[in-house]
């Protein structure tokens, strides 16, 4: 509490500097952030605790002690190495580094924006490649189905041709009204139904069985 007299004016100055440059500040869920370059960058002013190590039976443990010093910290992840911490020192106090703190927020926001834009483009690329792979798979499966249908149609037509020769050799009529002729017409319709290059409606009516 004894540091509030310093911390509040510091935060007030930083907030005004950000808002004057068009970067609104908001506080939610116990954190403060500035909206800079379309990015929410979290920051805080807190007491710079001292960390000491103590040897225990289970190894080293950290002990935090108060320092009475303030630190301005940017807690947002930055993909690039840049300064995100300004603390009281022997020669300077945070009050003398406020312009650097604001500039640091802007620099981190710039790096975050570039990084997230790169991620967005990468995700778009992955999605595009995934769609292309799915379309390639669909076309490959369709091609296999078409080839199978085309081969089936070809086999039926070759078989029908053999049946017609058989009928000619044995004097059996194949006119449209004859049983054999009706079967031949139905078989050719089935061939067309399998053939991906022919658009016809399947005939649901099958002819009477005609022995060869």
C-alpha atoms as a PDB file:
ATOM      1  CA  UNK A   1       0.000   0.000   0.000  1.00  0.00           C
ATOM      2  CA  UNK A   2       2.827   2.394   0.723  1.00  0.00           C
ATOM      3  CA  UNK A   3       3.799   2.222  -2.975  1.00  0.00           C
ATOM      4  CA  UNK A   4       0.361   3.287  -4.254  1.00  0.00           C
ATOM      5  CA  UNK A   5       1.305   6.985  -4.043  1.00  0.00           C
ATOM      6  CA  UNK A   6       3.914   6.298  -6.715  1.00  0.00           C
ATOM      7  CA  UNK A   7       2.186   3.541  -8.698  1.00  0.00           C
ATOM      8  CA  UNK A   8      -1.152   5.305  -9.307  1.00  0.00           C
ATOM      9  CA  UNK A   9       0.323   8.495 -10.849  1.00  0.00           C
ATOM     10  CA  UNK A  10       2.615   6.331 -12.991  1.00  0.00           C
ATOM     11  CA  UNK A  11      -0.268   4.246 -14.275  1.00  0.00           C
ATOM     12  CA  UNK A  12      -2.341   7.384 -14.798  1.00  0.00           C
ATOM     13  CA  UNK A  13       0.397   8.936 -16.934  1.00  0.00           C
ATOM     14  CA  UNK A  14       0.817   5.793 -19.025  1.00  0.00           C
ATOM     15  CA  UNK A  15      -2.940   5.420 -19.577  1.00  0.00           C
ATOM     16  CA  UNK A  16      -3.272   9.043 -20.700  1.00  0.00           C
ATOM     17  CA  UNK A  17      -0.265   8.721 -23.014  1.00  0.00           C
ATOM     18  CA  UNK A  18      -1.732   5.612 -24.620  1.00  0.00           C
ATOM     19  CA  UNK A  19      -5.207   7.074 -25.039  1.00  0.00           C
ATOM     20  CA  UNK A  20      -3.832  10.308 -26.490  1.00  0.00           C
ATOM     21  CA  UNK A  21      -2.188   8.172 -29.184  1.00  0.00           C
ATOM     22  CA  UNK A  22      -5.458   6.379 -29.917  1.00  0.00           C
ATOM     23  CA  UNK A  23      -4.744   3.231 -27.919  1.00  0.00           C
ATOM     24  CA  UNK A  24      -7.614   2.592 -25.465  1.00  0.00           C
ATOM     25  CA  UNK A  25      -6.917   0.880 -22.166  1.00  0.00           C
ATOM     26  CA  UNK A  26      -9.237  -1.608 -20.467  1.00  0.00           C
ATOM     27  CA  UNK A  27      -9.191  -3.605 -17.265  1.00  0.00           C
ATOM     28  CA  UNK A  28     -10.892  -6.978 -16.952  1.00  0.00           C
ATOM     29  CA  UNK A  29     -10.344 -10.158 -14.965  1.00  0.00           C
ATOM     30  CA  UNK A  30      -7.738  -8.441 -12.772  1.00  0.00           C
ATOM     31  CA  UNK A  31      -5.530  -7.529 -15.746  1.00  0.00           C
ATOM     32  CA  UNK A  32      -4.929  -4.318 -17.674  1.00  0.00           C
ATOM     33  CA  UNK A  33      -4.319  -4.175 -21.410  1.00  0.00           C
ATOM     34  CA  UNK A  34      -3.902  -1.588 -24.138  1.00  0.00           C
ATOM     35  CA  UNK A  35      -5.443  -2.068 -27.579  1.00  0.00           C
ATOM     36  CA  UNK A  36      -2.518  -1.225 -29.860  1.00  0.00           C
ATOM     37  CA  UNK A  37      -2.366  -2.027 -33.589  1.00  0.00           C
ATOM     38  CA  UNK A  38      -5.487  -4.194 -33.146  1.00  0.00           C
ATOM     39  CA  UNK A  39      -3.762  -6.244 -30.418  1.00  0.00           C
ATOM     40  CA  UNK A  40      -4.542  -6.395 -26.712  1.00  0.00           C
ATOM     41  CA  UNK A  41      -1.223  -6.063 -24.885  1.00  0.00           C
ATOM     42  CA  UNK A  42      -1.255  -6.743 -21.153  1.00  0.00           C
ATOM     43  CA  UNK A  43       0.878  -4.682 -18.799  1.00  0.00           C
ATOM     44  CA  UNK A  44       1.124  -3.840 -15.102  1.00  0.00           C
ATOM     45  CA  UNK A  45       2.957  -1.839 -12.480  1.00  0.00           C
ATOM     46  CA  UNK A  46       3.864  -3.861  -9.446  1.00  0.00           C
ATOM     47  CA  UNK A  47       6.411  -4.141  -6.671  1.00  0.00           C
ATOM     48  CA  UNK A  48       9.657  -5.685  -7.851  1.00  0.00           C
ATOM     49  CA  UNK A  49      10.059  -8.556  -5.414  1.00  0.00           C
ATOM     50  CA  UNK A  50      13.448  -9.903  -4.512  1.00  0.00           C
ATOM     51  CA  UNK A  51      13.987 -13.584  -5.119  1.00  0.00           C
ATOM     52  CA  UNK A  52      16.308 -15.573  -2.926  1.00  0.00           C
ATOM     53  CA  UNK A  53      17.143 -19.262  -3.165  1.00  0.00           C
ATOM     54  CA  UNK A  54      17.148 -21.512  -0.138  1.00  0.00           C
ATOM     55  CA  UNK A  55      18.563 -25.003   0.022  1.00  0.00           C
ATOM     56  CA  UNK A  56      16.058 -27.558   1.300  1.00  0.00           C
ATOM     57  CA  UNK A  57      15.954 -31.325   1.612  1.00  0.00           C
ATOM     58  CA  UNK A  58      14.071 -31.472  -1.713  1.00  0.00           C
ATOM     59  CA  UNK A  59      16.409 -29.088  -3.513  1.00  0.00           C
ATOM     60  CA  UNK A  60      16.278 -25.339  -4.044  1.00  0.00           C
ATOM     61  CA  UNK A  61      13.225 -23.267  -3.152  1.00  0.00           C
ATOM     62  CA  UNK A  62      12.533 -19.618  -3.932  1.00  0.00           C
ATOM     63  CA  UNK A  63      11.820 -17.032  -1.259  1.00  0.00           C
ATOM     64  CA  UNK A  64      10.221 -13.743  -2.302  1.00  0.00           C
ATOM     65  CA  UNK A  65      11.030 -10.611  -0.309  1.00  0.00           C
ATOM     66  CA  UNK A  66       9.733  -7.091  -0.722  1.00  0.00           C
ATOM     67  CA  UNK A  67      12.082  -4.594  -2.294  1.00  0.00           C
ATOM     68  CA  UNK A  68      10.166  -1.315  -2.038  1.00  0.00           C
ATOM     69  CA  UNK A  69      10.899  -0.777  -5.747  1.00  0.00           C
ATOM     70  CA  UNK A  70       8.450  -0.558  -8.654  1.00  0.00           C
ATOM     71  CA  UNK A  71       8.600  -2.277 -12.017  1.00  0.00           C
ATOM     72  CA  UNK A  72       6.633  -1.716 -15.216  1.00  0.00           C
ATOM     73  CA  UNK A  73       6.099  -5.047 -16.964  1.00  0.00           C
ATOM     74  CA  UNK A  74       4.599  -6.128 -20.272  1.00  0.00           C
ATOM     75  CA  UNK A  75       3.204  -9.612 -19.745  1.00  0.00           C
ATOM     76  CA  UNK A  76       2.162 -10.298 -23.351  1.00  0.00           C
ATOM     77  CA  UNK A  77       4.110 -12.956 -25.254  1.00  0.00           C
ATOM     78  CA  UNK A  78       6.370 -11.511 -27.921  1.00  0.00           C
ATOM     79  CA  UNK A  79       7.775 -13.665 -30.745  1.00  0.00           C
ATOM     80  CA  UNK A  80      10.794 -11.374 -30.971  1.00  0.00           C
ATOM     81  CA  UNK A  81      13.266 -10.577 -28.212  1.00  0.00           C
ATOM     82  CA  UNK A  82      12.574  -7.087 -26.978  1.00  0.00           C
ATOM     83  CA  UNK A  83      12.578  -5.305 -23.681  1.00  0.00           C
ATOM     84  CA  UNK A  84       9.401  -5.794 -21.658  1.00  0.00           C
ATOM     85  CA  UNK A  85      10.523  -4.755 -18.177  1.00  0.00           C
ATOM     86  CA  UNK A  86      11.582  -1.421 -16.665  1.00  0.00           C
ATOM     87  CA  UNK A  87      12.395  -1.389 -12.944  1.00  0.00           C
ATOM     88  CA  UNK A  88      13.747   1.056 -10.395  1.00  0.00           C
ATOM     89  CA  UNK A  89      17.525   1.029 -10.384  1.00  0.00           C
ATOM     90  CA  UNK A  90      20.406   2.794  -8.733  1.00  0.00           C
ATOM     91  CA  UNK A  91      20.448   5.596 -11.324  1.00  0.00           C
ATOM     92  CA  UNK A  92      16.891   5.669 -12.730  1.00  0.00           C
ATOM     93  CA  UNK A  93      13.388   5.182 -11.462  1.00  0.00           C
ATOM     94  CA  UNK A  94      10.345   4.076 -13.438  1.00  0.00           C
ATOM     95  CA  UNK A  95       9.101   7.699 -13.539  1.00  0.00           C
ATOM     96  CA  UNK A  96      12.050   8.573 -15.787  1.00  0.00           C
ATOM     97  CA  UNK A  97      11.388   5.704 -18.202  1.00  0.00           C
ATOM     98  CA  UNK A  98       7.671   6.130 -18.935  1.00  0.00           C
ATOM     99  CA  UNK A  99       8.268   7.065 -22.585  1.00  0.00           C
ATOM    100  CA  UNK A 100      10.304   3.877 -22.969  1.00  0.00           C
ATOM    101  CA  UNK A 101       7.509   1.877 -21.354  1.00  0.00           C
ATOM    102  CA  UNK A 102       4.934   3.237 -23.814  1.00  0.00           C
ATOM    103  CA  UNK A 103       7.302   2.690 -26.741  1.00  0.00           C
ATOM    104  CA  UNK A 104       7.885  -0.851 -25.486  1.00  0.00           C
ATOM    105  CA  UNK A 105       4.145  -1.518 -25.535  1.00  0.00           C
ATOM    106  CA  UNK A 106       3.947  -0.307 -29.128  1.00  0.00           C
ATOM    107  CA  UNK A 107       6.941  -2.393 -30.186  1.00  0.00           C
ATOM    108  CA  UNK A 108       5.541  -5.563 -28.596  1.00  0.00           C
ATOM    109  CA  UNK A 109       2.149  -4.895 -30.225  1.00  0.00           C
ATOM    110  CA  UNK A 110       3.834  -4.556 -33.607  1.00  0.00           C
ATOM    111  CA  UNK A 111       5.706  -7.843 -33.195  1.00  0.00           C
ATOM    112  CA  UNK A 112       2.561  -9.611 -31.964  1.00  0.00           C
ATOM    113  CA  UNK A 113       0.534  -8.308 -34.906  1.00  0.00           C
ATOM    114  CA  UNK A 114       3.128  -9.470 -37.442  1.00  0.00           C
ATOM    115  CA  UNK A 115       3.391 -12.844 -35.705  1.00  0.00           C
ATOM    116  CA  UNK A 116      -0.380 -13.389 -35.529  1.00  0.00           C
ATOM    117  CA  UNK A 117      -0.808 -12.271 -39.126  1.00  0.00           C
ATOM    118  CA  UNK A 118       1.800 -14.838 -40.109  1.00  0.00           C
ATOM    119  CA  UNK A 119      -0.051 -17.489 -38.112  1.00  0.00           C
ATOM    120  CA  UNK A 120      -3.330 -16.537 -39.773  1.00  0.00           C
ATOM    121  CA  UNK A 121      -1.810 -16.826 -43.241  1.00  0.00           C
ATOM    122  CA  UNK A 122      -0.202 -20.144 -42.293  1.00  0.00           C
ATOM    123  CA  UNK A 123      -3.531 -21.504 -41.051  1.00  0.00           C
ATOM    124  CA  UNK A 124      -5.221 -20.315 -44.237  1.00  0.00           C
ATOM    125  CA  UNK A 125      -2.526 -22.079 -46.235  1.00  0.00           C
ATOM    126  CA  UNK A 126      -3.012 -25.298 -44.234  1.00  0.00           C
ATOM    127  CA  UNK A 127      -6.788 -25.094 -44.705  1.00  0.00           C
ATOM    128  CA  UNK A 128      -6.350 -24.474 -48.429  1.00  0.00           C
ATOM    129  CA  UNK A 129      -3.953 -27.405 -48.743  1.00  0.00           C
ATOM    130  CA  UNK A 130      -6.323 -29.616 -46.731  1.00  0.00           C
ATOM    131  CA  UNK A 131      -9.190 -28.708 -49.086  1.00  0.00           C
ATOM    132  CA  UNK A 132      -6.975 -29.409 -52.084  1.00  0.00           C
ATOM    133  CA  UNK A 133      -6.015 -32.819 -50.652  1.00  0.00           C
ATOM    134  CA  UNK A 134      -9.671 -33.612 -49.944  1.00  0.00           C
ATOM    135  CA  UNK A 135     -10.646 -32.589 -53.475  1.00  0.00           C
ATOM    136  CA  UNK A 136      -7.815 -34.678 -54.938  1.00  0.00           C
ATOM    137  CA  UNK A 137      -8.978 -37.652 -52.867  1.00  0.00           C
ATOM    138  CA  UNK A 138     -12.574 -37.133 -54.019  1.00  0.00           C
ATOM    139  CA  UNK A 139     -11.554 -36.917 -57.681  1.00  0.00           C
ATOM    140  CA  UNK A 140      -9.339 -40.005 -57.331  1.00  0.00           C
ATOM    141  CA  UNK A 141     -12.181 -42.017 -55.816  1.00  0.00           C
ATOM    142  CA  UNK A 142     -14.563 -40.730 -58.464  1.00  0.00           C
ATOM    143  CA  UNK A 143     -12.096 -41.690 -61.188  1.00  0.00           C
ATOM    144  CA  UNK A 144     -11.804 -45.216 -59.744  1.00  0.00           C
ATOM    145  CA  UNK A 145     -15.607 -45.509 -59.713  1.00  0.00           C
ATOM    146  CA  UNK A 146     -15.865 -44.234 -63.277  1.00  0.00           C
ATOM    147  CA  UNK A 147     -13.160 -46.585 -64.504  1.00  0.00           C
ATOM    148  CA  UNK A 148     -14.832 -49.529 -62.782  1.00  0.00           C
ATOM    149  CA  UNK A 149     -18.201 -48.564 -64.296  1.00  0.00           C
ATOM    150  CA  UNK A 150     -16.683 -48.046 -67.725  1.00  0.00           C
ATOM    151  CA  UNK A 151     -14.985 -51.471 -67.585  1.00  0.00           C
ATOM    152  CA  UNK A 152     -18.250 -53.061 -66.446  1.00  0.00           C
ATOM    153  CA  UNK A 153     -20.156 -51.427 -69.299  1.00  0.00           C
ATOM    154  CA  UNK A 154     -17.509 -52.554 -71.777  1.00  0.00           C
ATOM    155  CA  UNK A 155     -17.722 -56.154 -70.542  1.00  0.00           C
ATOM    156  CA  UNK A 156     -21.528 -56.177 -70.781  1.00  0.00           C
ATOM    157  CA  UNK A 157     -21.474 -54.820 -74.329  1.00  0.00           C
ATOM    158  CA  UNK A 158     -18.853 -57.387 -75.359  1.00  0.00           C
ATOM    159  CA  UNK A 159     -20.967 -60.118 -73.810  1.00  0.00           C
ATOM    160  CA  UNK A 160     -24.104 -58.838 -75.587  1.00  0.00           C
ATOM    161  CA  UNK A 161     -22.184 -58.875 -78.862  1.00  0.00           C
ATOM    162  CA  UNK A 162     -21.213 -62.497 -78.204  1.00  0.00           C
ATOM    163  CA  UNK A 163     -24.846 -63.366 -77.421  1.00  0.00           C
ATOM    164  CA  UNK A 164     -25.997 -61.766 -80.682  1.00  0.00           C
ATOM    165  CA  UNK A 165     -23.424 -63.807 -82.638  1.00  0.00           C
ATOM    166  CA  UNK A 166     -24.561 -66.928 -80.826  1.00  0.00           C
ATOM    167  CA  UNK A 167     -28.163 -66.204 -81.807  1.00  0.00           C
ATOM    168  CA  UNK A 168     -27.231 -65.572 -85.438  1.00  0.00           C
ATOM    169  CA  UNK A 169     -25.272 -68.842 -85.587  1.00  0.00           C
ATOM    170  CA  UNK A 170     -28.173 -70.777 -84.093  1.00  0.00           C
ATOM    171  CA  UNK A 171     -30.964 -69.092 -86.020  1.00  0.00           C
ATOM    172  CA  UNK A 172     -32.524 -67.550 -82.935  1.00  0.00           C
ATOM    173  CA  UNK A 173     -34.419 -64.289 -83.552  1.00  0.00           C
ATOM    174  CA  UNK A 174     -33.189 -61.133 -81.780  1.00  0.00           C
ATOM    175  CA  UNK A 175     -35.924 -58.751 -82.919  1.00  0.00           C
ATOM    176  CA  UNK A 176     -37.114 -56.215 -80.334  1.00  0.00           C
ATOM    177  CA  UNK A 177     -40.310 -58.215 -79.747  1.00  0.00           C
ATOM    178  CA  UNK A 178     -38.506 -61.530 -79.206  1.00  0.00           C
ATOM    179  CA  UNK A 179     -37.460 -62.724 -75.720  1.00  0.00           C
ATOM    180  CA  UNK A 180     -33.815 -62.635 -76.711  1.00  0.00           C
ATOM    181  CA  UNK A 181     -34.192 -59.157 -78.252  1.00  0.00           C
ATOM    182  CA  UNK A 182     -35.829 -57.860 -75.071  1.00  0.00           C
ATOM    183  CA  UNK A 183     -32.994 -59.288 -73.003  1.00  0.00           C
ATOM    184  CA  UNK A 184     -30.387 -57.707 -75.279  1.00  0.00           C
ATOM    185  CA  UNK A 185     -32.097 -54.290 -74.992  1.00  0.00           C
ATOM    186  CA  UNK A 186     -32.230 -54.604 -71.195  1.00  0.00           C
ATOM    187  CA  UNK A 187     -28.573 -55.676 -71.008  1.00  0.00           C
ATOM    188  CA  UNK A 188     -27.508 -52.681 -73.117  1.00  0.00           C
ATOM    189  CA  UNK A 189     -29.494 -50.406 -70.825  1.00  0.00           C
ATOM    190  CA  UNK A 190     -27.599 -51.875 -67.877  1.00  0.00           C
ATOM    191  CA  UNK A 191     -24.319 -51.210 -69.696  1.00  0.00           C
ATOM    192  CA  UNK A 192     -25.360 -47.591 -70.211  1.00  0.00           C
ATOM    193  CA  UNK A 193     -26.246 -47.342 -66.517  1.00  0.00           C
ATOM    194  CA  UNK A 194     -22.707 -48.395 -65.569  1.00  0.00           C
ATOM    195  CA  UNK A 195     -21.054 -46.206 -68.216  1.00  0.00           C
ATOM    196  CA  UNK A 196     -20.091 -42.799 -66.720  1.00  0.00           C
ATOM    197  CA  UNK A 197     -20.037 -41.318 -70.214  1.00  0.00           C
ATOM    198  CA  UNK A 198     -23.722 -42.077 -70.846  1.00  0.00           C
ATOM    199  CA  UNK A 199     -26.521 -40.285 -69.018  1.00  0.00           C
ATOM    200  CA  UNK A 200     -29.565 -42.541 -68.878  1.00  0.00           C
ATOM    201  CA  UNK A 201     -32.146 -43.590 -66.349  1.00  0.00           C
ATOM    202  CA  UNK A 202     -31.807 -47.110 -64.971  1.00  0.00           C
ATOM    203  CA  UNK A 203     -34.446 -49.525 -66.137  1.00  0.00           C
ATOM    204  CA  UNK A 204     -36.037 -51.185 -63.132  1.00  0.00           C
ATOM    205  CA  UNK A 205     -37.890 -53.755 -65.220  1.00  0.00           C
ATOM    206  CA  UNK A 206     -35.912 -56.918 -65.910  1.00  0.00           C
ATOM    207  CA  UNK A 207     -36.793 -59.247 -68.827  1.00  0.00           C
ATOM    208  CA  UNK A 208     -37.833 -62.817 -68.383  1.00  0.00           C
ATOM    209  CA  UNK A 209     -34.909 -65.191 -68.016  1.00  0.00           C
ATOM    210  CA  UNK A 210     -33.759 -66.379 -71.421  1.00  0.00           C
ATOM    211  CA  UNK A 211     -31.379 -69.368 -71.411  1.00  0.00           C
ATOM    212  CA  UNK A 212     -28.454 -69.281 -73.785  1.00  0.00           C
END
